[in-house]
Amino acid sequence: MKPEPSPDAVRAPHPRHALAPLLSSAVRLSIVAALAPVEKAEFAYVRDLVEITDSALSKQVSRLEEAGWVAVEKGQVGRRPRTWLSLTPEGTAAYRRHIAALTAIAGPPV
């Protein structure tokens, strides 16, 4: 028989509470994961890496940008317009918290 926890015992909140709802989308999580290890990445590179269309990436980047997690920089290379994406410090912190929460939930590798 298991002993009952004392009423004074302080329990840590479940790690799921640290998950970022915005990263519950596999596509948004993939975008942020693609940007995490780099200073910035070209829009087309992220599109191809995540395997989505321009319009799908644009929509998801807009959501991340509204949250302040992704910065969008527009410019030109020669005469061609280019768009670069980068994680903001807030985006990096949110991503790290999210990954830490997932790791805590999953536990050690099986």
N, C-alpha and C. Protein backbone atom coordinates (compact mmCIF):
# COMPACT_ATOMS: atom_id res chain seq x y z
N MET A 1 0.84 -1.17 0.00
CA MET A 1 0.00 0.00 0.00
C MET A 1 0.89 1.25 0.00
N LYS A 2 0.55 2.19 -0.87
CA LYS A 2 1.33 3.42 -1.01
C LYS A 2 0.96 4.40 0.10
N PRO A 3 1.97 5.05 0.70
CA PRO A 3 1.64 6.05 1.72
C PRO A 3 1.02 7.28 1.06
N GLU A 4 0.11 7.88 1.76
CA GLU A 4 -0.54 9.12 1.28
C GLU A 4 0.45 10.28 1.41
N PRO A 5 0.52 11.16 0.39
CA PRO A 5 1.40 12.32 0.54
C PRO A 5 0.84 13.24 1.62
N SER A 6 1.73 13.84 2.37
CA SER A 6 1.28 14.74 3.42
C SER A 6 0.66 15.98 2.79
N PRO A 7 -0.31 16.58 3.44
CA PRO A 7 -0.94 17.79 2.88
C PRO A 7 0.04 18.94 2.73
N ASP A 8 1.14 18.90 3.49
CA ASP A 8 2.14 19.96 3.43
C ASP A 8 3.15 19.75 2.31
N ALA A 9 3.11 18.58 1.67
CA ALA A 9 4.08 18.29 0.60
C ALA A 9 3.84 19.24 -0.57
N VAL A 10 4.93 19.82 -1.03
CA VAL A 10 4.84 20.74 -2.16
C VAL A 10 5.18 19.97 -3.42
N ARG A 11 4.25 19.98 -4.35
CA ARG A 11 4.47 19.27 -5.60
C ARG A 11 4.80 20.29 -6.69
N ALA A 12 5.76 19.92 -7.49
CA ALA A 12 6.10 20.77 -8.63
C ALA A 12 4.99 20.63 -9.67
N PRO A 13 4.69 21.70 -10.38
CA PRO A 13 3.65 21.59 -11.41
C PRO A 13 4.11 20.64 -12.52
N HIS A 14 3.15 20.02 -13.16
CA HIS A 14 3.46 19.11 -14.27
C HIS A 14 4.17 19.90 -15.36
N PRO A 15 5.18 19.30 -16.01
CA PRO A 15 5.94 20.02 -17.04
C PRO A 15 5.10 20.49 -18.23
N ARG A 16 3.93 19.91 -18.44
CA ARG A 16 3.09 20.33 -19.57
C ARG A 16 2.70 21.80 -19.48
N HIS A 17 2.71 22.33 -18.26
CA HIS A 17 2.34 23.73 -18.06
C HIS A 17 3.38 24.68 -18.67
N ALA A 18 4.57 24.18 -18.94
CA ALA A 18 5.62 25.01 -19.54
C ALA A 18 5.62 24.93 -21.06
N LEU A 19 4.74 24.09 -21.64
CA LEU A 19 4.67 24.00 -23.11
C LEU A 19 4.12 25.30 -23.67
N ALA A 20 4.66 25.70 -24.81
CA ALA A 20 4.18 26.91 -25.49
C ALA A 20 3.05 26.52 -26.44
N PRO A 21 1.83 26.98 -26.19
CA PRO A 21 0.72 26.61 -27.06
C PRO A 21 0.98 26.93 -28.54
N LEU A 22 1.71 28.00 -28.80
CA LEU A 22 2.00 28.38 -30.18
C LEU A 22 2.85 27.32 -30.88
N LEU A 23 3.61 26.56 -30.11
CA LEU A 23 4.46 25.52 -30.70
C LEU A 23 3.78 24.15 -30.71
N SER A 24 2.48 24.11 -30.43
CA SER A 24 1.76 22.84 -30.52
C SER A 24 1.56 22.42 -31.98
N SER A 25 1.71 23.35 -32.89
CA SER A 25 1.66 23.05 -34.32
C SER A 25 3.02 22.48 -34.73
N ALA A 26 2.98 21.30 -35.35
CA ALA A 26 4.23 20.66 -35.80
C ALA A 26 4.97 21.55 -36.80
N VAL A 27 4.23 22.28 -37.62
CA VAL A 27 4.87 23.15 -38.61
C VAL A 27 5.58 24.31 -37.91
N ARG A 28 4.92 24.97 -36.96
CA ARG A 28 5.57 26.08 -36.25
C ARG A 28 6.75 25.59 -35.44
N LEU A 29 6.62 24.44 -34.81
CA LEU A 29 7.74 23.87 -34.06
C LEU A 29 8.90 23.59 -35.01
N SER A 30 8.61 23.07 -36.18
CA SER A 30 9.67 22.78 -37.17
C SER A 30 10.36 24.05 -37.64
N ILE A 31 9.60 25.11 -37.84
CA ILE A 31 10.17 26.39 -38.27
C ILE A 31 11.12 26.93 -37.20
N VAL A 32 10.65 26.93 -35.96
CA VAL A 32 11.47 27.45 -34.86
C VAL A 32 12.71 26.57 -34.68
N ALA A 33 12.55 25.26 -34.79
CA ALA A 33 13.70 24.36 -34.66
C ALA A 33 14.71 24.60 -35.78
N ALA A 34 14.24 24.93 -36.97
CA ALA A 34 15.14 25.21 -38.09
C ALA A 34 15.92 26.51 -37.85
N LEU A 35 15.29 27.46 -37.18
CA LEU A 35 15.93 28.75 -36.95
C LEU A 35 16.81 28.77 -35.70
N ALA A 36 16.57 27.87 -34.76
CA ALA A 36 17.28 27.90 -33.48
C ALA A 36 18.80 27.84 -33.60
N PRO A 37 19.36 26.99 -34.47
CA PRO A 37 20.83 26.90 -34.48
C PRO A 37 21.53 27.92 -35.37
N VAL A 38 20.79 28.79 -36.04
CA VAL A 38 21.42 29.72 -36.98
C VAL A 38 21.10 31.17 -36.61
N GLU A 39 21.95 32.08 -37.07
CA GLU A 39 21.70 33.51 -36.82
C GLU A 39 20.48 33.97 -37.61
N LYS A 40 20.42 33.58 -38.88
CA LYS A 40 19.26 33.86 -39.72
C LYS A 40 19.28 32.88 -40.88
N ALA A 41 18.11 32.70 -41.50
CA ALA A 41 17.99 31.77 -42.62
C ALA A 41 17.09 32.38 -43.67
N GLU A 42 17.40 32.10 -44.91
CA GLU A 42 16.58 32.60 -46.01
C GLU A 42 15.24 31.87 -46.02
N PHE A 43 14.20 32.60 -46.35
CA PHE A 43 12.83 32.08 -46.39
C PHE A 43 12.77 30.79 -47.19
N ALA A 44 13.36 30.77 -48.37
CA ALA A 44 13.29 29.59 -49.24
C ALA A 44 13.97 28.39 -48.61
N TYR A 45 15.05 28.61 -47.87
CA TYR A 45 15.75 27.52 -47.19
C TYR A 45 14.83 26.88 -46.15
N VAL A 46 14.18 27.71 -45.34
CA VAL A 46 13.28 27.21 -44.30
C VAL A 46 12.09 26.49 -44.95
N ARG A 47 11.54 27.08 -45.99
CA ARG A 47 10.43 26.46 -46.72
C ARG A 47 10.79 25.06 -47.17
N ASP A 48 11.95 24.92 -47.80
CA ASP A 48 12.38 23.61 -48.32
C ASP A 48 12.70 22.63 -47.19
N LEU A 49 13.32 23.12 -46.14
CA LEU A 49 13.68 22.26 -45.02
C LEU A 49 12.44 21.70 -44.32
N VAL A 50 11.44 22.55 -44.13
CA VAL A 50 10.22 22.16 -43.43
C VAL A 50 9.23 21.47 -44.38
N GLU A 51 9.49 21.57 -45.68
CA GLU A 51 8.67 20.93 -46.71
C GLU A 51 7.22 21.43 -46.71
N ILE A 52 7.09 22.76 -46.83
CA ILE A 52 5.77 23.37 -46.95
C ILE A 52 5.80 24.39 -48.07
N THR A 53 4.64 24.93 -48.42
CA THR A 53 4.53 25.90 -49.50
C THR A 53 4.91 27.29 -48.98
N ASP A 54 5.16 28.20 -49.93
CA ASP A 54 5.44 29.59 -49.58
C ASP A 54 4.31 30.17 -48.72
N SER A 55 3.07 29.95 -49.15
CA SER A 55 1.94 30.55 -48.44
C SER A 55 1.79 29.96 -47.04
N ALA A 56 2.02 28.66 -46.88
CA ALA A 56 1.93 28.05 -45.55
C ALA A 56 3.02 28.60 -44.63
N LEU A 57 4.23 28.74 -45.16
CA LEU A 57 5.32 29.28 -44.35
C LEU A 57 5.03 30.74 -43.98
N SER A 58 4.57 31.49 -44.94
CA SER A 58 4.26 32.90 -44.69
C SER A 58 3.22 33.04 -43.58
N LYS A 59 2.17 32.23 -43.63
CA LYS A 59 1.11 32.29 -42.61
C LYS A 59 1.66 31.94 -41.23
N GLN A 60 2.46 30.89 -41.15
CA GLN A 60 2.99 30.47 -39.85
C GLN A 60 4.03 31.45 -39.32
N VAL A 61 4.84 32.01 -40.20
CA VAL A 61 5.82 33.02 -39.79
C VAL A 61 5.09 34.25 -39.27
N SER A 62 3.99 34.62 -39.88
CA SER A 62 3.22 35.77 -39.40
C SER A 62 2.75 35.55 -37.97
N ARG A 63 2.29 34.36 -37.65
CA ARG A 63 1.85 34.05 -36.29
C ARG A 63 3.02 34.15 -35.30
N LEU A 64 4.17 33.62 -35.71
CA LEU A 64 5.35 33.67 -34.85
C LEU A 64 5.87 35.10 -34.71
N GLU A 65 5.77 35.86 -35.77
CA GLU A 65 6.20 37.27 -35.74
C GLU A 65 5.29 38.08 -34.82
N GLU A 66 3.98 37.85 -34.89
CA GLU A 66 3.03 38.55 -34.01
C GLU A 66 3.32 38.27 -32.54
N ALA A 67 3.79 37.07 -32.25
CA ALA A 67 4.13 36.71 -30.87
C ALA A 67 5.47 37.30 -30.44
N GLY A 68 6.21 37.85 -31.40
CA GLY A 68 7.52 38.43 -31.10
C GLY A 68 8.63 37.40 -31.07
N TRP A 69 8.38 36.23 -31.65
CA TRP A 69 9.36 35.13 -31.60
C TRP A 69 10.22 35.04 -32.83
N VAL A 70 9.76 35.58 -33.95
CA VAL A 70 10.52 35.53 -35.20
C VAL A 70 10.61 36.94 -35.77
N ALA A 71 11.79 37.28 -36.25
CA ALA A 71 12.00 38.57 -36.93
C ALA A 71 12.11 38.29 -38.43
N VAL A 72 11.51 39.17 -39.21
CA VAL A 72 11.54 39.06 -40.67
C VAL A 72 12.29 40.26 -41.22
N GLU A 73 13.28 39.96 -42.04
CA GLU A 73 14.10 41.01 -42.65
C GLU A 73 13.98 40.87 -44.16
N LYS A 74 13.62 41.95 -44.82
CA LYS A 74 13.50 41.93 -46.28
C LYS A 74 14.64 42.73 -46.89
N GLY A 75 15.11 42.27 -48.02
CA GLY A 75 16.19 42.96 -48.70
C GLY A 75 16.33 42.43 -50.11
N GLN A 76 17.47 42.69 -50.70
CA GLN A 76 17.73 42.24 -52.06
C GLN A 76 19.13 41.67 -52.16
N VAL A 77 19.26 40.70 -53.02
CA VAL A 77 20.56 40.17 -53.41
C VAL A 77 20.61 40.42 -54.92
N GLY A 78 21.45 41.38 -55.30
CA GLY A 78 21.41 41.83 -56.70
C GLY A 78 20.06 42.49 -56.94
N ARG A 79 19.37 42.04 -57.94
CA ARG A 79 18.04 42.60 -58.24
C ARG A 79 16.91 41.74 -57.68
N ARG A 80 17.26 40.66 -57.03
CA ARG A 80 16.25 39.72 -56.55
C ARG A 80 15.87 40.00 -55.10
N PRO A 81 14.58 40.10 -54.82
CA PRO A 81 14.15 40.30 -53.44
C PRO A 81 14.39 39.03 -52.61
N ARG A 82 14.76 39.22 -51.37
CA ARG A 82 15.00 38.10 -50.46
C ARG A 82 14.37 38.42 -49.10
N THR A 83 13.99 37.36 -48.41
CA THR A 83 13.46 37.47 -47.05
C THR A 83 14.25 36.54 -46.16
N TRP A 84 14.72 37.08 -45.02
CA TRP A 84 15.45 36.28 -44.05
C TRP A 84 14.64 36.21 -42.77
N LEU A 85 14.73 35.08 -42.12
CA LEU A 85 14.01 34.84 -40.87
C LEU A 85 15.03 34.57 -39.76
N SER A 86 14.72 35.03 -38.57
CA SER A 86 15.58 34.73 -37.42
C SER A 86 14.72 34.67 -36.16
N LEU A 87 15.19 33.90 -35.20
CA LEU A 87 14.53 33.85 -33.90
C LEU A 87 14.94 35.07 -33.09
N THR A 88 14.00 35.63 -32.39
CA THR A 88 14.31 36.71 -31.45
C THR A 88 14.78 36.06 -30.15
N PRO A 89 15.36 36.84 -29.25
CA PRO A 89 15.71 36.27 -27.94
C PRO A 89 14.49 35.66 -27.23
N GLU A 90 13.33 36.30 -27.37
CA GLU A 90 12.10 35.74 -26.77
C GLU A 90 11.74 34.41 -27.41
N GLY A 91 11.89 34.32 -28.73
CA GLY A 91 11.60 33.08 -29.44
C GLY A 91 12.54 31.96 -29.04
N THR A 92 13.81 32.30 -28.88
CA THR A 92 14.80 31.31 -28.46
C THR A 92 14.46 30.79 -27.06
N ALA A 93 14.11 31.70 -26.15
CA ALA A 93 13.77 31.30 -24.79
C ALA A 93 12.52 30.42 -24.77
N ALA A 94 11.51 30.80 -25.55
CA ALA A 94 10.27 30.01 -25.61
C ALA A 94 10.55 28.62 -26.17
N TYR A 95 11.37 28.54 -27.19
CA TYR A 95 11.72 27.26 -27.79
C TYR A 95 12.46 26.38 -26.77
N ARG A 96 13.42 26.95 -26.08
CA ARG A 96 14.18 26.17 -25.08
C ARG A 96 13.27 25.66 -23.96
N ARG A 97 12.36 26.52 -23.48
CA ARG A 97 11.41 26.09 -22.44
C ARG A 97 10.53 24.95 -22.95
N HIS A 98 10.07 25.09 -24.20
CA HIS A 98 9.19 24.08 -24.80
C HIS A 98 9.91 22.73 -24.90
N ILE A 99 11.13 22.75 -25.41
CA ILE A 99 11.91 21.51 -25.55
C ILE A 99 12.21 20.91 -24.18
N ALA A 100 12.53 21.75 -23.20
CA ALA A 100 12.79 21.25 -21.85
C ALA A 100 11.54 20.59 -21.27
N ALA A 101 10.38 21.18 -21.51
CA ALA A 101 9.12 20.60 -21.01
C ALA A 101 8.83 19.27 -21.70
N LEU A 102 9.04 19.20 -23.01
CA LEU A 102 8.83 17.94 -23.72
C LEU A 102 9.76 16.85 -23.20
N THR A 103 11.00 17.23 -22.94
CA THR A 103 11.99 16.27 -22.42
C THR A 103 11.57 15.79 -21.02
N ALA A 104 11.08 16.71 -20.19
CA ALA A 104 10.64 16.34 -18.85
C ALA A 104 9.44 15.42 -18.90
N ILE A 105 8.53 15.67 -19.83
CA ILE A 105 7.35 14.83 -19.97
C ILE A 105 7.73 13.44 -20.46
N ALA A 106 8.60 13.38 -21.47
CA ALA A 106 8.98 12.10 -22.08
C ALA A 106 9.87 11.28 -21.16
N GLY A 107 10.64 11.93 -20.32
CA GLY A 107 11.56 11.21 -19.45
C GLY A 107 12.78 10.75 -20.23
N PRO A 108 13.60 9.94 -19.59
CA PRO A 108 14.82 9.48 -20.27
C PRO A 108 14.49 8.59 -21.46
N PRO A 109 15.39 8.56 -22.43
CA PRO A 109 15.14 7.72 -23.62
C PRO A 109 14.97 6.25 -23.21
N VAL A 110 14.15 5.58 -23.94
CA VAL A 110 13.86 4.17 -23.65
C VAL A 110 14.91 3.29 -24.30
